[in-house]
Amino acid sequence: MSTVEQRLSELGHTVPEVAAPVAAYVPAVQHGDMVFTSGQLPFVDGKLPATGKVGEGEGLVSPDEAKKMAELCALNAIAAVKSVVGDLEKVVRVVKVVGFVASDPAFTGQPGVVNGASELLGTAFGDAGVHARSAVGVAALPMDTPVEVEITVAVRD
């Protein structure tokens, strides 16, 4: 078990099998020393734990629940990276995280939601998990998921 997987285990997580693509793409691609993941949804055993827009109020996904879903997206992104490089110890830096939040028009807390992904990556990769990031509010996401996250990592041979 890699150090990354050990740290995740301490949080109660295991790296899942890579999620099957829902359209015409692959989960991750390596180019040189960089791995780029496709946008990862918060699948757990092939299902979304919740759907809908993020915001405050009845019928909306709460920001706290969405933050937990962003964490699941990051876990699935780690699985996508592992599917390409084999060993997570090869990751030398999480370079960039992009998080998309399907937002109610009044919701402006996208950075707090995407913190779920950033915090998990920081814990999993330690100093190498410190990254640049964008947190973007959008009108809708695939399959009505509240959150989608993609990452870019640098790896060594």
N, C-alpha and C. Protein backbone atom coordinates (compact mmCIF):
# COMPACT_ATOMS: atom_id res chain seq x y z
N MET A 1 0.85 -1.18 0.00
CA MET A 1 0.00 0.00 0.00
C MET A 1 0.89 1.24 0.00
N SER A 2 0.61 2.17 -0.90
CA SER A 2 1.41 3.39 -0.99
C SER A 2 1.14 4.30 0.20
N THR A 3 2.04 5.25 0.43
CA THR A 3 1.84 6.23 1.49
C THR A 3 0.55 7.00 1.27
N VAL A 4 0.26 7.35 0.03
CA VAL A 4 -0.98 8.06 -0.30
C VAL A 4 -2.18 7.22 0.12
N GLU A 5 -2.18 5.96 -0.26
CA GLU A 5 -3.31 5.08 0.09
C GLU A 5 -3.40 4.87 1.60
N GLN A 6 -2.27 4.86 2.28
CA GLN A 6 -2.26 4.72 3.73
C GLN A 6 -2.91 5.96 4.37
N ARG A 7 -2.55 7.13 3.89
CA ARG A 7 -3.15 8.37 4.41
C ARG A 7 -4.65 8.40 4.16
N LEU A 8 -5.06 7.96 2.99
CA LEU A 8 -6.50 7.92 2.68
C LEU A 8 -7.21 6.92 3.58
N SER A 9 -6.56 5.81 3.85
CA SER A 9 -7.14 4.79 4.73
C SER A 9 -7.38 5.35 6.13
N GLU A 10 -6.47 6.19 6.59
CA GLU A 10 -6.63 6.81 7.90
C GLU A 10 -7.87 7.71 7.95
N LEU A 11 -8.31 8.19 6.77
CA LEU A 11 -9.53 9.00 6.67
C LEU A 11 -10.76 8.13 6.44
N GLY A 12 -10.55 6.82 6.34
CA GLY A 12 -11.66 5.91 6.09
C GLY A 12 -11.95 5.69 4.62
N HIS A 13 -11.01 6.05 3.75
CA HIS A 13 -11.20 5.90 2.30
C HIS A 13 -10.28 4.82 1.75
N THR A 14 -10.73 4.18 0.70
CA THR A 14 -9.86 3.35 -0.13
C THR A 14 -9.96 3.89 -1.55
N VAL A 15 -8.89 3.74 -2.29
CA VAL A 15 -8.91 4.19 -3.69
C VAL A 15 -9.81 3.22 -4.44
N PRO A 16 -10.90 3.73 -5.03
CA PRO A 16 -11.83 2.85 -5.72
C PRO A 16 -11.29 2.42 -7.08
N GLU A 17 -11.98 1.50 -7.71
CA GLU A 17 -11.69 1.20 -9.10
C GLU A 17 -12.04 2.47 -9.89
N VAL A 18 -11.32 2.69 -10.97
CA VAL A 18 -11.58 3.89 -11.77
C VAL A 18 -13.01 3.83 -12.32
N ALA A 19 -13.70 4.96 -12.25
CA ALA A 19 -15.08 5.03 -12.73
C ALA A 19 -15.11 4.88 -14.25
N ALA A 20 -16.05 4.11 -14.74
CA ALA A 20 -16.20 3.92 -16.18
C ALA A 20 -16.67 5.23 -16.82
N PRO A 21 -16.11 5.61 -17.95
CA PRO A 21 -16.55 6.82 -18.63
C PRO A 21 -18.03 6.74 -19.01
N VAL A 22 -18.71 7.88 -18.95
CA VAL A 22 -20.13 7.93 -19.33
C VAL A 22 -20.32 8.50 -20.74
N ALA A 23 -19.22 8.75 -21.46
CA ALA A 23 -19.28 9.26 -22.84
C ALA A 23 -17.99 8.87 -23.54
N ALA A 24 -17.64 9.57 -24.61
CA ALA A 24 -16.49 9.22 -25.44
C ALA A 24 -15.21 9.89 -24.95
N TYR A 25 -14.62 9.33 -23.91
CA TYR A 25 -13.36 9.84 -23.36
C TYR A 25 -12.74 8.74 -22.50
N VAL A 26 -11.53 8.99 -22.02
CA VAL A 26 -10.88 8.08 -21.08
C VAL A 26 -10.74 8.81 -19.74
N PRO A 27 -10.62 8.07 -18.63
CA PRO A 27 -10.55 8.71 -17.32
C PRO A 27 -9.33 9.61 -17.11
N ALA A 28 -8.20 9.25 -17.72
CA ALA A 28 -6.98 10.04 -17.56
C ALA A 28 -6.04 9.76 -18.72
N VAL A 29 -5.18 10.75 -18.99
CA VAL A 29 -4.18 10.63 -20.05
C VAL A 29 -2.86 11.14 -19.49
N GLN A 30 -1.79 10.40 -19.77
CA GLN A 30 -0.45 10.86 -19.41
C GLN A 30 0.23 11.40 -20.65
N HIS A 31 0.85 12.57 -20.49
CA HIS A 31 1.66 13.16 -21.55
C HIS A 31 2.96 13.62 -20.90
N GLY A 32 4.03 12.93 -21.20
CA GLY A 32 5.30 13.22 -20.55
C GLY A 32 5.19 12.96 -19.06
N ASP A 33 5.55 13.98 -18.28
CA ASP A 33 5.49 13.80 -16.82
C ASP A 33 4.21 14.36 -16.21
N MET A 34 3.19 14.58 -17.03
CA MET A 34 1.92 15.12 -16.55
C MET A 34 0.79 14.13 -16.80
N VAL A 35 -0.12 14.03 -15.83
CA VAL A 35 -1.33 13.24 -15.98
C VAL A 35 -2.51 14.19 -15.82
N PHE A 36 -3.40 14.15 -16.79
CA PHE A 36 -4.59 14.98 -16.81
C PHE A 36 -5.80 14.06 -16.66
N THR A 37 -6.63 14.31 -15.65
CA THR A 37 -7.83 13.50 -15.52
C THR A 37 -8.99 14.17 -16.23
N SER A 38 -9.91 13.37 -16.67
CA SER A 38 -11.20 13.89 -17.12
C SER A 38 -11.95 14.35 -15.86
N GLY A 39 -13.00 15.10 -16.06
CA GLY A 39 -13.82 15.49 -14.93
C GLY A 39 -14.39 14.26 -14.24
N GLN A 40 -14.23 14.18 -12.94
CA GLN A 40 -14.68 13.02 -12.17
C GLN A 40 -15.92 13.40 -11.37
N LEU A 41 -16.91 12.53 -11.42
CA LEU A 41 -18.14 12.73 -10.67
C LEU A 41 -18.02 11.99 -9.33
N PRO A 42 -18.89 12.29 -8.38
CA PRO A 42 -18.78 11.68 -7.06
C PRO A 42 -19.44 10.30 -6.95
N PHE A 43 -19.14 9.45 -7.91
CA PHE A 43 -19.72 8.11 -7.90
C PHE A 43 -19.25 7.31 -6.69
N VAL A 44 -20.17 6.58 -6.09
CA VAL A 44 -19.88 5.59 -5.06
C VAL A 44 -20.56 4.31 -5.53
N ASP A 45 -19.76 3.29 -5.82
CA ASP A 45 -20.30 2.03 -6.34
C ASP A 45 -21.19 2.27 -7.57
N GLY A 46 -20.75 3.16 -8.45
CA GLY A 46 -21.45 3.41 -9.70
C GLY A 46 -22.68 4.30 -9.60
N LYS A 47 -22.94 4.86 -8.42
CA LYS A 47 -24.14 5.70 -8.25
C LYS A 47 -23.76 7.06 -7.68
N LEU A 48 -24.54 8.07 -8.01
CA LEU A 48 -24.36 9.39 -7.42
C LEU A 48 -25.10 9.44 -6.08
N PRO A 49 -24.45 9.92 -5.02
CA PRO A 49 -25.12 9.98 -3.73
C PRO A 49 -26.24 11.02 -3.67
N ALA A 50 -26.21 12.00 -4.54
CA ALA A 50 -27.26 13.03 -4.60
C ALA A 50 -27.19 13.69 -5.97
N THR A 51 -28.28 14.33 -6.35
CA THR A 51 -28.31 15.09 -7.59
C THR A 51 -28.95 16.45 -7.30
N GLY A 52 -28.76 17.37 -8.23
CA GLY A 52 -29.40 18.67 -8.12
C GLY A 52 -28.41 19.81 -7.96
N LYS A 53 -28.95 20.99 -7.74
CA LYS A 53 -28.16 22.22 -7.59
C LYS A 53 -27.73 22.39 -6.15
N VAL A 54 -26.61 23.07 -5.97
CA VAL A 54 -26.08 23.37 -4.65
C VAL A 54 -26.58 24.75 -4.22
N GLY A 55 -26.99 24.83 -2.97
CA GLY A 55 -27.42 26.11 -2.42
C GLY A 55 -28.04 25.91 -1.06
N GLU A 56 -28.60 26.98 -0.55
CA GLU A 56 -29.27 26.95 0.76
C GLU A 56 -30.77 26.90 0.51
N GLY A 57 -31.44 25.95 1.11
CA GLY A 57 -32.89 25.93 1.00
C GLY A 57 -33.43 24.58 0.61
N GLU A 58 -34.73 24.49 0.70
CA GLU A 58 -35.43 23.24 0.41
C GLU A 58 -35.23 22.82 -1.04
N GLY A 59 -34.98 21.53 -1.22
CA GLY A 59 -34.82 20.98 -2.56
C GLY A 59 -33.44 21.16 -3.15
N LEU A 60 -32.52 21.78 -2.41
CA LEU A 60 -31.16 22.00 -2.89
C LEU A 60 -30.18 21.11 -2.13
N VAL A 61 -29.07 20.80 -2.76
CA VAL A 61 -27.99 20.06 -2.10
C VAL A 61 -27.25 21.07 -1.23
N SER A 62 -27.11 20.76 0.05
CA SER A 62 -26.46 21.70 0.96
C SER A 62 -24.98 21.85 0.62
N PRO A 63 -24.38 23.00 0.92
CA PRO A 63 -22.95 23.17 0.68
C PRO A 63 -22.10 22.13 1.40
N ASP A 64 -22.49 21.73 2.62
CA ASP A 64 -21.73 20.71 3.35
C ASP A 64 -21.78 19.37 2.63
N GLU A 65 -22.97 19.00 2.14
CA GLU A 65 -23.09 17.74 1.41
C GLU A 65 -22.30 17.81 0.10
N ALA A 66 -22.35 18.95 -0.57
CA ALA A 66 -21.61 19.12 -1.82
C ALA A 66 -20.10 19.06 -1.58
N LYS A 67 -19.65 19.60 -0.45
CA LYS A 67 -18.22 19.53 -0.12
C LYS A 67 -17.78 18.08 0.02
N LYS A 68 -18.61 17.25 0.67
CA LYS A 68 -18.30 15.83 0.79
C LYS A 68 -18.29 15.15 -0.58
N MET A 69 -19.15 15.61 -1.46
CA MET A 69 -19.17 15.04 -2.82
C MET A 69 -17.93 15.46 -3.60
N ALA A 70 -17.43 16.68 -3.37
CA ALA A 70 -16.19 17.10 -4.01
C ALA A 70 -15.03 16.23 -3.55
N GLU A 71 -15.06 15.83 -2.29
CA GLU A 71 -14.05 14.90 -1.77
C GLU A 71 -14.12 13.57 -2.52
N LEU A 72 -15.34 13.07 -2.75
CA LEU A 72 -15.50 11.83 -3.51
C LEU A 72 -14.99 11.99 -4.94
N CYS A 73 -15.23 13.16 -5.54
CA CYS A 73 -14.71 13.42 -6.89
C CYS A 73 -13.18 13.32 -6.89
N ALA A 74 -12.54 13.92 -5.87
CA ALA A 74 -11.08 13.88 -5.78
C ALA A 74 -10.60 12.44 -5.60
N LEU A 75 -11.31 11.66 -4.81
CA LEU A 75 -10.95 10.26 -4.62
C LEU A 75 -11.03 9.51 -5.96
N ASN A 76 -12.06 9.80 -6.74
CA ASN A 76 -12.19 9.18 -8.06
C ASN A 76 -11.12 9.69 -9.02
N ALA A 77 -10.70 10.94 -8.87
CA ALA A 77 -9.60 11.46 -9.69
C ALA A 77 -8.30 10.76 -9.34
N ILE A 78 -8.08 10.51 -8.06
CA ILE A 78 -6.89 9.76 -7.64
C ILE A 78 -6.91 8.36 -8.28
N ALA A 79 -8.08 7.74 -8.31
CA ALA A 79 -8.21 6.42 -8.95
C ALA A 79 -7.88 6.51 -10.43
N ALA A 80 -8.30 7.59 -11.08
CA ALA A 80 -7.99 7.76 -12.51
C ALA A 80 -6.49 7.91 -12.73
N VAL A 81 -5.83 8.67 -11.86
CA VAL A 81 -4.38 8.82 -11.96
C VAL A 81 -3.71 7.46 -11.76
N LYS A 82 -4.13 6.73 -10.74
CA LYS A 82 -3.54 5.42 -10.46
C LYS A 82 -3.72 4.46 -11.64
N SER A 83 -4.85 4.56 -12.33
CA SER A 83 -5.10 3.67 -13.47
C SER A 83 -4.09 3.89 -14.60
N VAL A 84 -3.49 5.07 -14.64
CA VAL A 84 -2.51 5.39 -15.68
C VAL A 84 -1.09 5.13 -15.21
N VAL A 85 -0.75 5.51 -13.98
CA VAL A 85 0.64 5.41 -13.52
C VAL A 85 0.93 4.17 -12.68
N GLY A 86 -0.11 3.51 -12.20
CA GLY A 86 0.07 2.28 -11.45
C GLY A 86 0.37 2.47 -9.98
N ASP A 87 1.29 3.34 -9.66
CA ASP A 87 1.74 3.54 -8.28
C ASP A 87 1.62 5.02 -7.94
N LEU A 88 0.82 5.33 -6.93
CA LEU A 88 0.61 6.74 -6.56
C LEU A 88 1.85 7.40 -5.98
N GLU A 89 2.87 6.61 -5.62
CA GLU A 89 4.13 7.18 -5.15
C GLU A 89 4.85 7.92 -6.28
N LYS A 90 4.44 7.69 -7.52
CA LYS A 90 5.04 8.40 -8.66
C LYS A 90 4.57 9.84 -8.76
N VAL A 91 3.49 10.19 -8.05
CA VAL A 91 2.99 11.57 -8.10
C VAL A 91 3.92 12.45 -7.29
N VAL A 92 4.50 13.47 -7.94
CA VAL A 92 5.41 14.38 -7.25
C VAL A 92 4.74 15.71 -6.93
N ARG A 93 3.60 16.00 -7.59
CA ARG A 93 2.90 17.26 -7.32
C ARG A 93 1.51 17.22 -7.91
N VAL A 94 0.53 17.64 -7.11
CA VAL A 94 -0.78 17.96 -7.66
C VAL A 94 -0.63 19.40 -8.15
N VAL A 95 -0.74 19.58 -9.45
CA VAL A 95 -0.45 20.88 -10.05
C VAL A 95 -1.69 21.78 -10.06
N LYS A 96 -2.81 21.23 -10.50
CA LYS A 96 -4.01 22.05 -10.70
C LYS A 96 -5.25 21.24 -10.41
N VAL A 97 -6.22 21.88 -9.78
CA VAL A 97 -7.54 21.31 -9.53
C VAL A 97 -8.57 22.26 -10.11
N VAL A 98 -9.51 21.72 -10.86
CA VAL A 98 -10.63 22.51 -11.35
C VAL A 98 -11.90 21.85 -10.86
N GLY A 99 -12.70 22.63 -10.13
CA GLY A 99 -13.95 22.12 -9.59
C GLY A 99 -15.13 22.88 -10.17
N PHE A 100 -16.13 22.14 -10.58
CA PHE A 100 -17.36 22.72 -11.12
C PHE A 100 -18.49 22.42 -10.15
N VAL A 101 -19.28 23.43 -9.83
CA VAL A 101 -20.38 23.27 -8.88
C VAL A 101 -21.67 23.71 -9.57
N ALA A 102 -22.61 22.78 -9.72
CA ALA A 102 -23.92 23.12 -10.28
C ALA A 102 -24.64 23.94 -9.22
N SER A 103 -24.79 25.22 -9.48
CA SER A 103 -25.19 26.15 -8.44
C SER A 103 -26.56 26.76 -8.65
N ASP A 104 -27.30 26.86 -7.56
CA ASP A 104 -28.50 27.68 -7.53
C ASP A 104 -28.03 29.11 -7.86
N PRO A 105 -28.83 29.90 -8.58
CA PRO A 105 -28.38 31.24 -8.98
C PRO A 105 -27.92 32.13 -7.82
N ALA A 106 -28.44 31.92 -6.62
CA ALA A 106 -28.06 32.76 -5.48
C ALA A 106 -26.82 32.25 -4.75
N PHE A 107 -26.31 31.07 -5.13
CA PHE A 107 -25.20 30.46 -4.40
C PHE A 107 -23.87 30.97 -4.91
N THR A 108 -23.02 31.44 -3.98
CA THR A 108 -21.69 31.94 -4.35
C THR A 108 -20.58 31.28 -3.55
N GLY A 109 -20.87 30.14 -2.93
CA GLY A 109 -19.89 29.46 -2.08
C GLY A 109 -19.12 28.35 -2.76
N GLN A 110 -18.90 28.46 -4.06
CA GLN A 110 -18.20 27.41 -4.80
C GLN A 110 -16.82 27.09 -4.21
N PRO A 111 -16.02 28.09 -3.80
CA PRO A 111 -14.72 27.75 -3.22
C PRO A 111 -14.81 26.84 -2.00
N GLY A 112 -15.79 27.06 -1.14
CA GLY A 112 -15.96 26.20 0.03
C GLY A 112 -16.31 24.78 -0.33
N VAL A 113 -17.11 24.62 -1.38
CA VAL A 113 -17.47 23.27 -1.85
C VAL A 113 -16.24 22.56 -2.38
N VAL A 114 -15.48 23.23 -3.23
CA VAL A 114 -14.31 22.60 -3.86
C VAL A 114 -13.19 22.35 -2.85
N ASN A 115 -13.27 23.02 -1.70
CA ASN A 115 -12.31 22.72 -0.63
C ASN A 115 -12.35 21.24 -0.25
N GLY A 116 -13.50 20.58 -0.43
CA GLY A 116 -13.57 19.15 -0.14
C GLY A 116 -12.54 18.37 -0.94
N ALA A 117 -12.39 18.72 -2.20
CA ALA A 117 -11.38 18.07 -3.05
C ALA A 117 -9.98 18.50 -2.63
N SER A 118 -9.78 19.79 -2.45
CA SER A 118 -8.45 20.31 -2.12
C SER A 118 -7.93 19.74 -0.81
N GLU A 119 -8.80 19.69 0.19
CA GLU A 119 -8.37 19.18 1.49
C GLU A 119 -8.00 17.70 1.42
N LEU A 120 -8.78 16.91 0.67
CA LEU A 120 -8.46 15.49 0.53
C LEU A 120 -7.12 15.32 -0.17
N LEU A 121 -6.89 16.07 -1.24
CA LEU A 121 -5.63 15.96 -1.98
C LEU A 121 -4.46 16.40 -1.11
N GLY A 122 -4.65 17.44 -0.32
CA GLY A 122 -3.59 17.89 0.58
C GLY A 122 -3.24 16.84 1.62
N THR A 123 -4.26 16.20 2.18
CA THR A 123 -4.02 15.15 3.16
C THR A 123 -3.34 13.94 2.50
N ALA A 124 -3.84 13.56 1.34
CA ALA A 124 -3.32 12.36 0.67
C ALA A 124 -1.88 12.52 0.21
N PHE A 125 -1.55 13.69 -0.35
CA PHE A 125 -0.23 13.87 -0.96
C PHE A 125 0.71 14.75 -0.13
N GLY A 126 0.25 15.23 1.03
CA GLY A 126 1.11 16.07 1.86
C GLY A 126 1.50 17.34 1.13
N ASP A 127 2.76 17.74 1.27
CA ASP A 127 3.24 18.97 0.62
C ASP A 127 3.06 18.94 -0.89
N ALA A 128 3.13 17.76 -1.49
CA ALA A 128 2.96 17.62 -2.93
C ALA A 128 1.50 17.83 -3.35
N GLY A 129 0.60 17.89 -2.37
CA GLY A 129 -0.82 18.10 -2.67
C GLY A 129 -1.24 19.55 -2.73
N VAL A 130 -0.32 20.47 -2.44
CA VAL A 130 -0.63 21.90 -2.52
C VAL A 130 -0.69 22.28 -4.00
N HIS A 131 -1.78 22.93 -4.42
CA HIS A 131 -2.02 23.10 -5.85
C HIS A 131 -2.67 24.45 -6.17
N ALA A 132 -2.63 24.80 -7.46
CA ALA A 132 -3.42 25.91 -7.98
C ALA A 132 -4.84 25.38 -8.20
N ARG A 133 -5.84 26.30 -8.23
CA ARG A 133 -7.21 25.80 -8.30
C ARG A 133 -8.16 26.83 -8.89
N SER A 134 -9.20 26.31 -9.53
CA SER A 134 -10.34 27.11 -9.94
C SER A 134 -11.59 26.44 -9.39
N ALA A 135 -12.55 27.26 -8.91
CA ALA A 135 -13.83 26.75 -8.43
C ALA A 135 -14.91 27.53 -9.18
N VAL A 136 -15.63 26.83 -10.05
CA VAL A 136 -16.52 27.49 -11.01
C VAL A 136 -17.97 27.08 -10.78
N GLY A 137 -18.85 28.05 -10.71
CA GLY A 137 -20.28 27.77 -10.64
C GLY A 137 -20.84 27.63 -12.04
N VAL A 138 -21.64 26.60 -12.24
CA VAL A 138 -22.24 26.35 -13.55
C VAL A 138 -23.73 26.07 -13.40
N ALA A 139 -24.46 26.18 -14.50
CA ALA A 139 -25.91 25.97 -14.48
C ALA A 139 -26.29 24.51 -14.32
N ALA A 140 -25.52 23.61 -14.93
CA ALA A 140 -25.84 22.18 -14.87
C ALA A 140 -24.59 21.38 -15.17
N LEU A 141 -24.58 20.13 -14.65
CA LEU A 141 -23.48 19.21 -14.89
C LEU A 141 -24.05 17.87 -15.36
N PRO A 142 -23.21 17.01 -15.95
CA PRO A 142 -23.69 15.72 -16.44
C PRO A 142 -24.41 14.92 -15.36
N MET A 143 -25.46 14.27 -15.75
CA MET A 143 -26.25 13.38 -14.89
C MET A 143 -26.85 14.12 -13.69
N ASP A 144 -26.92 15.44 -13.78
CA ASP A 144 -27.45 16.30 -12.71
C ASP A 144 -26.63 16.21 -11.44
N THR A 145 -25.34 15.85 -11.56
CA THR A 145 -24.46 15.81 -10.39
C THR A 145 -24.24 17.23 -9.87
N PRO A 146 -24.11 17.39 -8.58
CA PRO A 146 -23.86 18.72 -8.03
C PRO A 146 -22.41 19.20 -8.21
N VAL A 147 -21.47 18.26 -8.34
CA VAL A 147 -20.06 18.62 -8.36
C VAL A 147 -19.30 17.74 -9.35
N GLU A 148 -18.29 18.33 -9.98
CA GLU A 148 -17.37 17.60 -10.85
C GLU A 148 -15.98 18.17 -10.62
N VAL A 149 -14.96 17.31 -10.56
CA VAL A 149 -13.60 17.76 -10.30
C VAL A 149 -12.64 17.07 -11.26
N GLU A 150 -11.70 17.86 -11.79
CA GLU A 150 -10.60 17.30 -12.58
C GLU A 150 -9.29 17.76 -11.96
N ILE A 151 -8.26 16.92 -12.10
CA ILE A 151 -6.95 17.29 -11.56
C ILE A 151 -5.87 17.06 -12.61
N THR A 152 -4.78 17.78 -12.42
CA THR A 152 -3.56 17.59 -13.21
C THR A 152 -2.43 17.34 -12.21
N VAL A 153 -1.67 16.27 -12.44
CA VAL A 153 -0.56 15.95 -11.55
C VAL A 153 0.72 15.75 -12.35
N ALA A 154 1.83 16.06 -11.70
CA ALA A 154 3.15 15.78 -12.25
C ALA A 154 3.63 14.46 -11.65
N VAL A 155 4.25 13.62 -12.49
CA VAL A 155 4.73 12.31 -12.04
C VAL A 155 6.17 12.10 -12.44
N ARG A 156 6.80 11.15 -11.77
CA ARG A 156 8.17 10.74 -12.13
C ARG A 156 8.11 9.32 -12.67
N ASP A 157 9.11 8.97 -13.44
CA ASP A 157 9.19 7.58 -13.95
C ASP A 157 9.69 6.64 -12.91
